[in-house]
Amino acid sequence: MDATKLRRAIARTPLAPVAAFPKRLVRVARHDTRLLKVSARWLVTSREHHNYTYDLTWLSKSHLAWFVSVVCDTPVKQVKAYFQEIEGDDTLRRHIEQATRGAARRGLADRQVRYARRVGWYAIVRARKPQHIVETGVDKGLGSCVLAAALLRNTAEGDPGRVSSLDINPEAGYLARTAPWSQVVDLVIGDSIASIQAMDRPVDLFLHDSDHSKAHEKREFDAVEPKLAPGAMLLTDNVTATNVLADHAERTGRRFLAYRETPINHWYPGDGIGVAW
C-alpha cells in the first residue's frame, strides 16, 4: 500500500485525530510564533497603548475601496483616487508628525502616520459631500484631521462642510487644533449624548467612535436619529464588536454593510467600518 492509500485508510479509522495531530501542531506553532514575533517587535518599537495605528494589506485596502464604492454608489476607480489623495497629502502628514513630536502626550503616540480604515472615511466624505459631519470620540484627532482634509478638498470644489468632533476629554483633538484643518473642525468637549441632543444643525454623516460599550453605542444612534438630514449616512467604528448599527438599520428601514480591515504586521486584528444608509 502506498503512502496516499495508507493516509486515506487511516482517515477512516479512530486513529485519524492522532495521526493528524503532528501536522495540526506544526500549523498552530507557525501561526503563534509569527504572532509572538510581531507582538514582541511592536512592544519594543511602538509607544501606543490604545487606538493603535497601522497600515492595511493591499488586499484589505482593495476590499475597502469596493466597500466604499458600493455604499456611496461611486466608481471604484474614483474611490481609489481618493485613497491616493489622502495618502499623498504630504502637508497633512508633516503636520501630524510635527504635532505628535511636540505634544504633551508624545510618550504614548507613534510619529509614523498610518491611516488604516480612515482612508475609507476620507473617501466617503469626498464622495458624499456632507455639509455637517458629527464624529464622537476624538482622542489625538487623527480621524478628525482626515475628515477635515476631505472637507477642505470639498470646499475647494464648491461643496463646503464642517465636522463637529465630540469628546469628553478636554485634552482630546490636539492634532486638529492647527489651521487649515481647524478651520472646518468644531471641537466640542462634553458628554456625547448631551452634545448630540443640543445640536441645532442637521447631521449628514454620523460616525460613532467613542465609548464602545453596546449600551452607549445604541444611545448615540438613538440620540442622533431625530437630528439626521434626509438621506444621512451612519457609520460605526465598533462593527467588529457589536451589531448595534445593523439592528438600528433594520429598525429604521436602512441598508447595512460591514467591512473588516486587515493590518500589516501588527498583533491587533484590526477594526472595521459599519455603514447604514
C-alpha atoms as a PDB file:
ATOM      1  CA  MET A   1       0.000   0.000   0.000  1.00  0.00           C
ATOM      2  CA  ASP A   2       1.454   3.390  -0.996  1.00  0.00           C
ATOM      3  CA  ALA A   3       1.562   6.383   1.340  1.00  0.00           C
ATOM      4  CA  THR A   4      -1.522   8.081  -0.121  1.00  0.00           C
ATOM      5  CA  LYS A   5      -3.675   4.971   0.238  1.00  0.00           C
ATOM      6  CA  LEU A   6      -2.368   4.461   3.781  1.00  0.00           C
ATOM      7  CA  ARG A   7      -3.312   8.021   4.801  1.00  0.00           C
ATOM      8  CA  ARG A   8      -6.784   7.591   3.343  1.00  0.00           C
ATOM      9  CA  ALA A   9      -7.213   4.303   5.148  1.00  0.00           C
ATOM     10  CA  ILE A  10      -6.141   5.781   8.477  1.00  0.00           C
ATOM     11  CA  ALA A  11      -8.514   8.754   7.933  1.00  0.00           C
ATOM     12  CA  ARG A  12     -11.425   6.301   8.100  1.00  0.00           C
ATOM     13  CA  THR A  13     -10.361   4.894  11.495  1.00  0.00           C
ATOM     14  CA  PRO A  14     -10.476   6.145  15.101  1.00  0.00           C
ATOM     15  CA  LEU A  15      -6.726   6.795  14.769  1.00  0.00           C
ATOM     16  CA  ALA A  16      -7.345   9.718  12.376  1.00  0.00           C
ATOM     17  CA  PRO A  17      -7.163  12.507  15.041  1.00  0.00           C
ATOM     18  CA  VAL A  18      -3.941  11.052  16.456  1.00  0.00           C
ATOM     19  CA  ALA A  19      -2.326  10.781  13.018  1.00  0.00           C
ATOM     20  CA  ALA A  20      -3.318  14.345  12.111  1.00  0.00           C
ATOM     21  CA  PHE A  21      -2.116  15.863  15.389  1.00  0.00           C
ATOM     22  CA  PRO A  22       1.559  16.493  14.410  1.00  0.00           C
ATOM     23  CA  LYS A  23       0.549  18.358  11.236  1.00  0.00           C
ATOM     24  CA  ARG A  24      -2.015  20.405  13.118  1.00  0.00           C
ATOM     25  CA  LEU A  25       0.526  21.199  15.835  1.00  0.00           C
ATOM     26  CA  VAL A  26       3.049  22.475  13.282  1.00  0.00           C
ATOM     27  CA  ARG A  27       0.477  24.791  11.686  1.00  0.00           C
ATOM     28  CA  VAL A  28      -0.607  26.246  15.031  1.00  0.00           C
ATOM     29  CA  ALA A  29       3.025  26.663  16.149  1.00  0.00           C
ATOM     30  CA  ARG A  30       3.930  28.531  12.957  1.00  0.00           C
ATOM     31  CA  HIS A  31       0.964  30.873  13.376  1.00  0.00           C
ATOM     32  CA  ASP A  32       1.646  31.535  17.065  1.00  0.00           C
ATOM     33  CA  THR A  33       5.384  32.011  16.527  1.00  0.00           C
ATOM     34  CA  ARG A  34       4.753  34.632  13.867  1.00  0.00           C
ATOM     35  CA  LEU A  35       2.258  36.433  16.114  1.00  0.00           C
ATOM     36  CA  LEU A  36       4.705  36.383  19.030  1.00  0.00           C
ATOM     37  CA  LYS A  37       7.440  37.870  16.830  1.00  0.00           C
ATOM     38  CA  VAL A  38       5.125  40.638  15.595  1.00  0.00           C
ATOM     39  CA  SER A  39       3.945  41.338  19.156  1.00  0.00           C
ATOM     40  CA  ALA A  40       7.489  41.489  20.527  1.00  0.00           C
ATOM     41  CA  ARG A  41       8.568  43.880  17.756  1.00  0.00           C
ATOM     42  CA  TRP A  42       5.566  46.132  18.458  1.00  0.00           C
ATOM     43  CA  LEU A  43       6.282  46.207  22.204  1.00  0.00           C
ATOM     44  CA  VAL A  44       9.806  47.451  21.508  1.00  0.00           C
ATOM     45  CA  THR A  45       9.147  49.860  18.629  1.00  0.00           C
ATOM     46  CA  SER A  46       5.702  51.354  19.356  1.00  0.00           C
ATOM     47  CA  ARG A  47       4.583  53.764  22.074  1.00  0.00           C
ATOM     48  CA  GLU A  48       0.840  53.325  21.589  1.00  0.00           C
ATOM     49  CA  HIS A  49      -1.333  51.930  24.354  1.00  0.00           C
ATOM     50  CA  HIS A  50      -4.731  52.193  22.634  1.00  0.00           C
ATOM     51  CA  ASN A  51      -6.242  53.412  19.353  1.00  0.00           C
ATOM     52  CA  TYR A  52      -3.489  51.549  17.550  1.00  0.00           C
ATOM     53  CA  THR A  53      -2.373  52.773  14.146  1.00  0.00           C
ATOM     54  CA  TYR A  54      -1.150  50.585  11.297  1.00  0.00           C
ATOM     55  CA  ASP A  55      -1.227  50.196   7.540  1.00  0.00           C
ATOM     56  CA  LEU A  56      -3.535  47.811   5.704  1.00  0.00           C
ATOM     57  CA  THR A  57      -2.607  44.914   3.476  1.00  0.00           C
ATOM     58  CA  TRP A  58      -3.045  45.638  -0.235  1.00  0.00           C
ATOM     59  CA  LEU A  59      -5.919  43.148  -0.361  1.00  0.00           C
ATOM     60  CA  SER A  60      -7.672  44.738   2.606  1.00  0.00           C
ATOM     61  CA  LYS A  61      -7.324  48.179   1.034  1.00  0.00           C
ATOM     62  CA  SER A  62      -8.708  46.858  -2.256  1.00  0.00           C
ATOM     63  CA  HIS A  63     -11.724  45.427  -0.453  1.00  0.00           C
ATOM     64  CA  LEU A  64     -12.177  48.755   1.352  1.00  0.00           C
ATOM     65  CA  ALA A  65     -12.256  50.567  -1.992  1.00  0.00           C
ATOM     66  CA  TRP A  66     -15.021  48.274  -3.238  1.00  0.00           C
ATOM     67  CA  PHE A  67     -16.892  48.649   0.049  1.00  0.00           C
ATOM     68  CA  VAL A  68     -16.898  52.457  -0.262  1.00  0.00           C
ATOM     69  CA  SER A  69     -17.792  52.171  -3.947  1.00  0.00           C
ATOM     70  CA  VAL A  70     -20.928  50.190  -3.086  1.00  0.00           C
ATOM     71  CA  VAL A  71     -22.169  52.262  -0.137  1.00  0.00           C
ATOM     72  CA  CYS A  72     -21.514  55.573  -1.924  1.00  0.00           C
ATOM     73  CA  ASP A  73     -22.541  54.420  -5.412  1.00  0.00           C
ATOM     74  CA  THR A  74     -19.237  55.753  -6.721  1.00  0.00           C
ATOM     75  CA  PRO A  75     -16.945  54.111  -9.323  1.00  0.00           C
ATOM     76  CA  VAL A  76     -14.172  52.158  -7.618  1.00  0.00           C
ATOM     77  CA  LYS A  77     -11.539  53.949  -9.701  1.00  0.00           C
ATOM     78  CA  GLN A  78     -12.710  57.239  -8.200  1.00  0.00           C
ATOM     79  CA  VAL A  79     -12.588  55.770  -4.689  1.00  0.00           C
ATOM     80  CA  LYS A  80      -9.021  54.586  -5.255  1.00  0.00           C
ATOM     81  CA  ALA A  81      -8.156  58.084  -6.480  1.00  0.00           C
ATOM     82  CA  TYR A  82      -9.499  59.452  -3.193  1.00  0.00           C
ATOM     83  CA  PHE A  83      -7.268  56.975  -1.330  1.00  0.00           C
ATOM     84  CA  GLN A  84      -4.259  58.242  -3.257  1.00  0.00           C
ATOM     85  CA  GLU A  85      -5.311  61.810  -2.494  1.00  0.00           C
ATOM     86  CA  ILE A  86      -5.188  61.437   1.292  1.00  0.00           C
ATOM     87  CA  GLU A  87      -2.146  59.170   1.278  1.00  0.00           C
ATOM     88  CA  GLY A  88      -0.309  61.680  -0.911  1.00  0.00           C
ATOM     89  CA  ASP A  89      -1.198  64.687   1.260  1.00  0.00           C
ATOM     90  CA  ASP A  90       2.337  65.484   2.419  1.00  0.00           C
ATOM     91  CA  THR A  91       1.266  68.697   4.153  1.00  0.00           C
ATOM     92  CA  LEU A  92      -1.097  66.821   6.455  1.00  0.00           C
ATOM     93  CA  ARG A  93       1.433  64.057   7.033  1.00  0.00           C
ATOM     94  CA  ARG A  94       4.154  66.530   8.063  1.00  0.00           C
ATOM     95  CA  HIS A  95       1.715  68.350  10.348  1.00  0.00           C
ATOM     96  CA  ILE A  96       0.757  65.126  12.162  1.00  0.00           C
ATOM     97  CA  GLU A  97       4.404  64.142  12.580  1.00  0.00           C
ATOM     98  CA  GLN A  98       5.395  67.578  13.926  1.00  0.00           C
ATOM     99  CA  ALA A  99       2.346  67.944  16.173  1.00  0.00           C
ATOM    100  CA  THR A 100       2.938  64.481  17.617  1.00  0.00           C
ATOM    101  CA  ARG A 101       6.598  65.290  18.265  1.00  0.00           C
ATOM    102  CA  GLY A 102       5.676  68.393  20.261  1.00  0.00           C
ATOM    103  CA  ALA A 103       2.599  67.076  22.057  1.00  0.00           C
ATOM    104  CA  ALA A 104       2.407  66.612  25.820  1.00  0.00           C
ATOM    105  CA  ARG A 105       1.247  63.034  25.175  1.00  0.00           C
ATOM    106  CA  ARG A 106       4.061  62.256  22.725  1.00  0.00           C
ATOM    107  CA  GLY A 107       5.271  59.459  25.006  1.00  0.00           C
ATOM    108  CA  LEU A 108       2.138  57.484  24.120  1.00  0.00           C
ATOM    109  CA  ALA A 109       1.973  58.211  20.385  1.00  0.00           C
ATOM    110  CA  ASP A 110       3.871  56.993  17.332  1.00  0.00           C
ATOM    111  CA  ARG A 111       5.175  59.641  14.952  1.00  0.00           C
ATOM    112  CA  GLN A 112       4.688  57.480  11.874  1.00  0.00           C
ATOM    113  CA  VAL A 113       1.427  58.420  10.123  1.00  0.00           C
ATOM    114  CA  ARG A 114      -0.769  55.391   9.400  1.00  0.00           C
ATOM    115  CA  TYR A 115      -4.420  55.919   8.480  1.00  0.00           C
ATOM    116  CA  ALA A 116      -5.694  52.327   8.021  1.00  0.00           C
ATOM    117  CA  ARG A 117      -9.521  52.273   7.604  1.00  0.00           C
ATOM    118  CA  ARG A 118      -9.626  56.075   7.915  1.00  0.00           C
ATOM    119  CA  VAL A 119      -8.819  56.354   4.206  1.00  0.00           C
ATOM    120  CA  GLY A 120     -12.300  54.876   3.816  1.00  0.00           C
ATOM    121  CA  TRP A 121     -13.756  57.693   5.947  1.00  0.00           C
ATOM    122  CA  TYR A 122     -11.948  60.181   3.741  1.00  0.00           C
ATOM    123  CA  ALA A 123     -13.284  58.651   0.533  1.00  0.00           C
ATOM    124  CA  ILE A 124     -16.848  58.542   1.905  1.00  0.00           C
ATOM    125  CA  VAL A 125     -16.706  62.256   2.740  1.00  0.00           C
ATOM    126  CA  ARG A 126     -15.251  63.085  -0.674  1.00  0.00           C
ATOM    127  CA  ALA A 127     -17.946  61.047  -2.418  1.00  0.00           C
ATOM    128  CA  ARG A 128     -20.946  62.121  -0.292  1.00  0.00           C
ATOM    129  CA  LYS A 129     -20.073  65.839   0.123  1.00  0.00           C
ATOM    130  CA  PRO A 130     -21.736  66.177   3.581  1.00  0.00           C
ATOM    131  CA  GLN A 131     -22.362  69.672   4.940  1.00  0.00           C
ATOM    132  CA  HIS A 132     -22.255  68.553   8.574  1.00  0.00           C
ATOM    133  CA  ILE A 133     -20.350  65.565   9.989  1.00  0.00           C
ATOM    134  CA  VAL A 134     -20.574  64.522  13.623  1.00  0.00           C
ATOM    135  CA  GLU A 135     -17.765  62.371  14.996  1.00  0.00           C
ATOM    136  CA  THR A 136     -17.896  61.012  18.550  1.00  0.00           C
ATOM    137  CA  GLY A 137     -14.571  60.040  20.095  1.00  0.00           C
ATOM    138  CA  VAL A 138     -11.589  62.148  19.074  1.00  0.00           C
ATOM    139  CA  ASP A 139      -8.551  61.001  21.080  1.00  0.00           C
ATOM    140  CA  LYS A 140      -5.466  62.573  19.426  1.00  0.00           C
ATOM    141  CA  GLY A 141      -7.513  63.850  16.492  1.00  0.00           C
ATOM    142  CA  LEU A 142      -6.100  61.701  13.695  1.00  0.00           C
ATOM    143  CA  GLY A 143      -9.565  60.843  12.397  1.00  0.00           C
ATOM    144  CA  SER A 144     -10.669  64.466  12.759  1.00  0.00           C
ATOM    145  CA  CYS A 145      -7.742  65.570  10.591  1.00  0.00           C
ATOM    146  CA  VAL A 146      -8.621  63.011   7.932  1.00  0.00           C
ATOM    147  CA  LEU A 147     -12.250  64.153   7.881  1.00  0.00           C
ATOM    148  CA  ALA A 148     -11.148  67.800   7.827  1.00  0.00           C
ATOM    149  CA  ALA A 149      -8.774  67.159   4.916  1.00  0.00           C
ATOM    150  CA  ALA A 150     -11.682  65.734   2.918  1.00  0.00           C
ATOM    151  CA  LEU A 151     -13.908  68.675   3.819  1.00  0.00           C
ATOM    152  CA  LEU A 152     -11.230  71.163   2.759  1.00  0.00           C
ATOM    153  CA  ARG A 153     -10.989  69.441  -0.635  1.00  0.00           C
ATOM    154  CA  ASN A 154     -14.776  69.508  -0.959  1.00  0.00           C
ATOM    155  CA  THR A 155     -14.822  73.200  -0.046  1.00  0.00           C
ATOM    156  CA  ALA A 156     -12.248  73.986  -2.721  1.00  0.00           C
ATOM    157  CA  GLU A 157     -14.555  72.288  -5.223  1.00  0.00           C
ATOM    158  CA  GLY A 158     -17.610  74.293  -4.108  1.00  0.00           C
ATOM    159  CA  ASP A 159     -19.106  71.918  -1.507  1.00  0.00           C
ATOM    160  CA  PRO A 160     -18.283  73.323   1.944  1.00  0.00           C
ATOM    161  CA  GLY A 161     -18.833  71.375   5.151  1.00  0.00           C
ATOM    162  CA  ARG A 162     -17.827  71.141   8.817  1.00  0.00           C
ATOM    163  CA  VAL A 163     -17.192  68.378  11.334  1.00  0.00           C
ATOM    164  CA  SER A 164     -18.333  68.506  14.943  1.00  0.00           C
ATOM    165  CA  SER A 165     -15.831  66.366  16.869  1.00  0.00           C
ATOM    166  CA  LEU A 166     -17.172  65.335  20.277  1.00  0.00           C
ATOM    167  CA  ASP A 167     -15.081  64.053  23.179  1.00  0.00           C
ATOM    168  CA  ILE A 168     -15.356  64.096  26.946  1.00  0.00           C
ATOM    169  CA  ASN A 169     -11.598  64.612  27.412  1.00  0.00           C
ATOM    170  CA  PRO A 170     -10.549  68.306  27.315  1.00  0.00           C
ATOM    171  CA  GLU A 171      -7.088  67.273  26.039  1.00  0.00           C
ATOM    172  CA  ALA A 172      -8.517  65.462  23.019  1.00  0.00           C
ATOM    173  CA  GLY A 173      -8.026  66.613  19.463  1.00  0.00           C
ATOM    174  CA  TYR A 174      -4.609  68.260  19.677  1.00  0.00           C
ATOM    175  CA  LEU A 175      -3.807  67.200  16.094  1.00  0.00           C
ATOM    176  CA  ALA A 176      -6.889  69.051  14.813  1.00  0.00           C
ATOM    177  CA  ARG A 177      -6.217  72.390  16.520  1.00  0.00           C
ATOM    178  CA  THR A 178      -3.994  73.768  13.730  1.00  0.00           C
ATOM    179  CA  ALA A 179      -5.046  75.602  10.556  1.00  0.00           C
ATOM    180  CA  PRO A 180      -6.144  74.873   7.912  1.00  0.00           C
ATOM    181  CA  TRP A 181      -7.749  71.730   9.386  1.00  0.00           C
ATOM    182  CA  SER A 182      -9.049  73.562  12.461  1.00  0.00           C
ATOM    183  CA  GLN A 183     -10.956  75.913  10.144  1.00  0.00           C
ATOM    184  CA  VAL A 184     -13.542  73.191   9.480  1.00  0.00           C
ATOM    185  CA  VAL A 185     -13.404  71.373  12.846  1.00  0.00           C
ATOM    186  CA  ASP A 186     -15.587  72.281  15.831  1.00  0.00           C
ATOM    187  CA  LEU A 187     -14.168  70.512  18.899  1.00  0.00           C
ATOM    188  CA  VAL A 188     -16.948  70.009  21.445  1.00  0.00           C
ATOM    189  CA  ILE A 189     -15.891  68.838  24.909  1.00  0.00           C
ATOM    190  CA  GLY A 190     -18.552  67.078  26.942  1.00  0.00           C
ATOM    191  CA  ASP A 191     -20.785  64.031  27.102  1.00  0.00           C
ATOM    192  CA  SER A 192     -21.556  62.861  23.569  1.00  0.00           C
ATOM    193  CA  ILE A 193     -25.262  62.204  24.208  1.00  0.00           C
ATOM    194  CA  ALA A 194     -25.835  65.670  25.674  1.00  0.00           C
ATOM    195  CA  SER A 195     -23.790  67.265  22.885  1.00  0.00           C
ATOM    196  CA  ILE A 196     -25.803  65.466  20.190  1.00  0.00           C
ATOM    197  CA  GLN A 197     -29.105  66.439  21.807  1.00  0.00           C
ATOM    198  CA  ALA A 198     -28.023  70.099  21.916  1.00  0.00           C
ATOM    199  CA  MET A 199     -27.242  70.291  18.196  1.00  0.00           C
ATOM    200  CA  ASP A 200     -29.326  72.680  16.107  1.00  0.00           C
ATOM    201  CA  ARG A 201     -27.915  71.703  12.671  1.00  0.00           C
ATOM    202  CA  PRO A 202     -28.994  68.660  10.638  1.00  0.00           C
ATOM    203  CA  VAL A 203     -26.412  65.871  10.519  1.00  0.00           C
ATOM    204  CA  ASP A 204     -25.467  64.459   7.108  1.00  0.00           C
ATOM    205  CA  LEU A 205     -22.845  61.956   8.274  1.00  0.00           C
ATOM    206  CA  PHE A 206     -22.554  60.474  11.766  1.00  0.00           C
ATOM    207  CA  LEU A 207     -19.572  58.449  12.981  1.00  0.00           C
ATOM    208  CA  HIS A 208     -19.588  56.573  16.289  1.00  0.00           C
ATOM    209  CA  ASP A 209     -16.040  56.124  17.627  1.00  0.00           C
ATOM    210  CA  SER A 210     -16.365  56.884  21.343  1.00  0.00           C
ATOM    211  CA  ASP A 211     -17.299  54.602  24.263  1.00  0.00           C
ATOM    212  CA  HIS A 212     -17.554  51.225  22.559  1.00  0.00           C
ATOM    213  CA  SER A 213     -19.925  49.626  25.029  1.00  0.00           C
ATOM    214  CA  LYS A 214     -23.019  48.270  23.332  1.00  0.00           C
ATOM    215  CA  ALA A 215     -25.330  50.365  25.515  1.00  0.00           C
ATOM    216  CA  HIS A 216     -23.554  53.648  24.794  1.00  0.00           C
ATOM    217  CA  GLU A 217     -23.302  52.990  21.068  1.00  0.00           C
ATOM    218  CA  LYS A 218     -27.066  52.388  20.948  1.00  0.00           C
ATOM    219  CA  ARG A 219     -27.719  55.580  22.929  1.00  0.00           C
ATOM    220  CA  GLU A 220     -25.694  57.611  20.434  1.00  0.00           C
ATOM    221  CA  PHE A 221     -27.585  56.296  17.409  1.00  0.00           C
ATOM    222  CA  ASP A 222     -30.916  56.788  19.163  1.00  0.00           C
ATOM    223  CA  ALA A 223     -29.917  60.355  20.113  1.00  0.00           C
ATOM    224  CA  VAL A 224     -28.768  61.341  16.638  1.00  0.00           C
ATOM    225  CA  GLU A 225     -31.681  59.796  14.735  1.00  0.00           C
ATOM    226  CA  PRO A 226     -34.017  62.834  15.076  1.00  0.00           C
ATOM    227  CA  LYS A 227     -31.104  65.138  14.145  1.00  0.00           C
ATOM    228  CA  LEU A 228     -30.376  63.465  10.807  1.00  0.00           C
ATOM    229  CA  ALA A 229     -30.811  65.200   7.477  1.00  0.00           C
ATOM    230  CA  PRO A 230     -32.737  63.332   4.732  1.00  0.00           C
ATOM    231  CA  GLY A 231     -30.517  60.624   3.236  1.00  0.00           C
ATOM    232  CA  ALA A 232     -27.959  60.831   6.050  1.00  0.00           C
ATOM    233  CA  MET A 233     -25.357  58.086   6.453  1.00  0.00           C
ATOM    234  CA  LEU A 234     -24.443  56.429   9.766  1.00  0.00           C
ATOM    235  CA  LEU A 235     -21.016  54.904  10.439  1.00  0.00           C
ATOM    236  CA  THR A 236     -19.643  52.910  13.358  1.00  0.00           C
ATOM    237  CA  ASP A 237     -16.070  52.049  14.242  1.00  0.00           C
ATOM    238  CA  ASN A 238     -17.411  49.312  16.523  1.00  0.00           C
ATOM    239  CA  VAL A 239     -18.767  46.954  13.875  1.00  0.00           C
ATOM    240  CA  THR A 240     -16.368  44.112  14.712  1.00  0.00           C
ATOM    241  CA  ALA A 241     -17.631  44.051  18.314  1.00  0.00           C
ATOM    242  CA  THR A 242     -21.386  44.715  18.204  1.00  0.00           C
ATOM    243  CA  ASN A 243     -24.404  44.516  15.927  1.00  0.00           C
ATOM    244  CA  VAL A 244     -25.841  47.806  17.194  1.00  0.00           C
ATOM    245  CA  LEU A 245     -25.768  49.680  13.888  1.00  0.00           C
ATOM    246  CA  ALA A 246     -27.101  46.711  11.944  1.00  0.00           C
ATOM    247  CA  ASP A 247     -30.029  46.471  14.374  1.00  0.00           C
ATOM    248  CA  HIS A 248     -30.598  50.224  14.113  1.00  0.00           C
ATOM    249  CA  ALA A 249     -30.590  49.992  10.320  1.00  0.00           C
ATOM    250  CA  GLU A 250     -33.183  47.208  10.423  1.00  0.00           C
ATOM    251  CA  ARG A 251     -35.434  49.185  12.772  1.00  0.00           C
ATOM    252  CA  THR A 252     -35.224  52.339  10.662  1.00  0.00           C
ATOM    253  CA  GLY A 253     -35.533  50.735   7.218  1.00  0.00           C
ATOM    254  CA  ARG A 254     -31.949  51.340   6.075  1.00  0.00           C
ATOM    255  CA  ARG A 255     -29.434  49.169   4.276  1.00  0.00           C
ATOM    256  CA  PHE A 256     -26.336  47.982   6.141  1.00  0.00           C
ATOM    257  CA  LEU A 257     -22.884  46.711   5.183  1.00  0.00           C
ATOM    258  CA  ALA A 258     -19.759  45.953   7.196  1.00  0.00           C
ATOM    259  CA  TYR A 259     -16.065  45.916   6.357  1.00  0.00           C
ATOM    260  CA  ARG A 260     -13.268  44.445   8.486  1.00  0.00           C
ATOM    261  CA  GLU A 261      -9.714  45.638   7.968  1.00  0.00           C
ATOM    262  CA  THR A 262      -6.546  43.533   7.991  1.00  0.00           C
ATOM    263  CA  PRO A 263      -3.441  45.288   9.390  1.00  0.00           C
ATOM    264  CA  ILE A 264       0.085  44.687   8.113  1.00  0.00           C
ATOM    265  CA  ASN A 265       2.497  43.240  10.680  1.00  0.00           C
ATOM    266  CA  HIS A 266       0.500  44.079  13.792  1.00  0.00           C
ATOM    267  CA  TRP A 267      -0.692  41.879  16.637  1.00  0.00           C
ATOM    268  CA  TYR A 268      -4.056  43.690  16.756  1.00  0.00           C
ATOM    269  CA  PRO A 269      -6.593  42.020  14.424  1.00  0.00           C
ATOM    270  CA  GLY A 270      -7.966  45.363  13.234  1.00  0.00           C
ATOM    271  CA  ASP A 271     -11.253  47.244  13.430  1.00  0.00           C
ATOM    272  CA  GLY A 272     -13.711  47.997  10.658  1.00  0.00           C
ATOM    273  CA  ILE A 273     -16.406  50.234   9.285  1.00  0.00           C
ATOM    274  CA  GLY A 274     -20.124  49.614   9.555  1.00  0.00           C
ATOM    275  CA  VAL A 275     -22.392  51.742   7.363  1.00  0.00           C
ATOM    276  CA  ALA A 276     -26.145  52.245   7.398  1.00  0.00           C
ATOM    277  CA  TRP A 277     -27.723  54.295   4.615  1.00  0.00           C
END
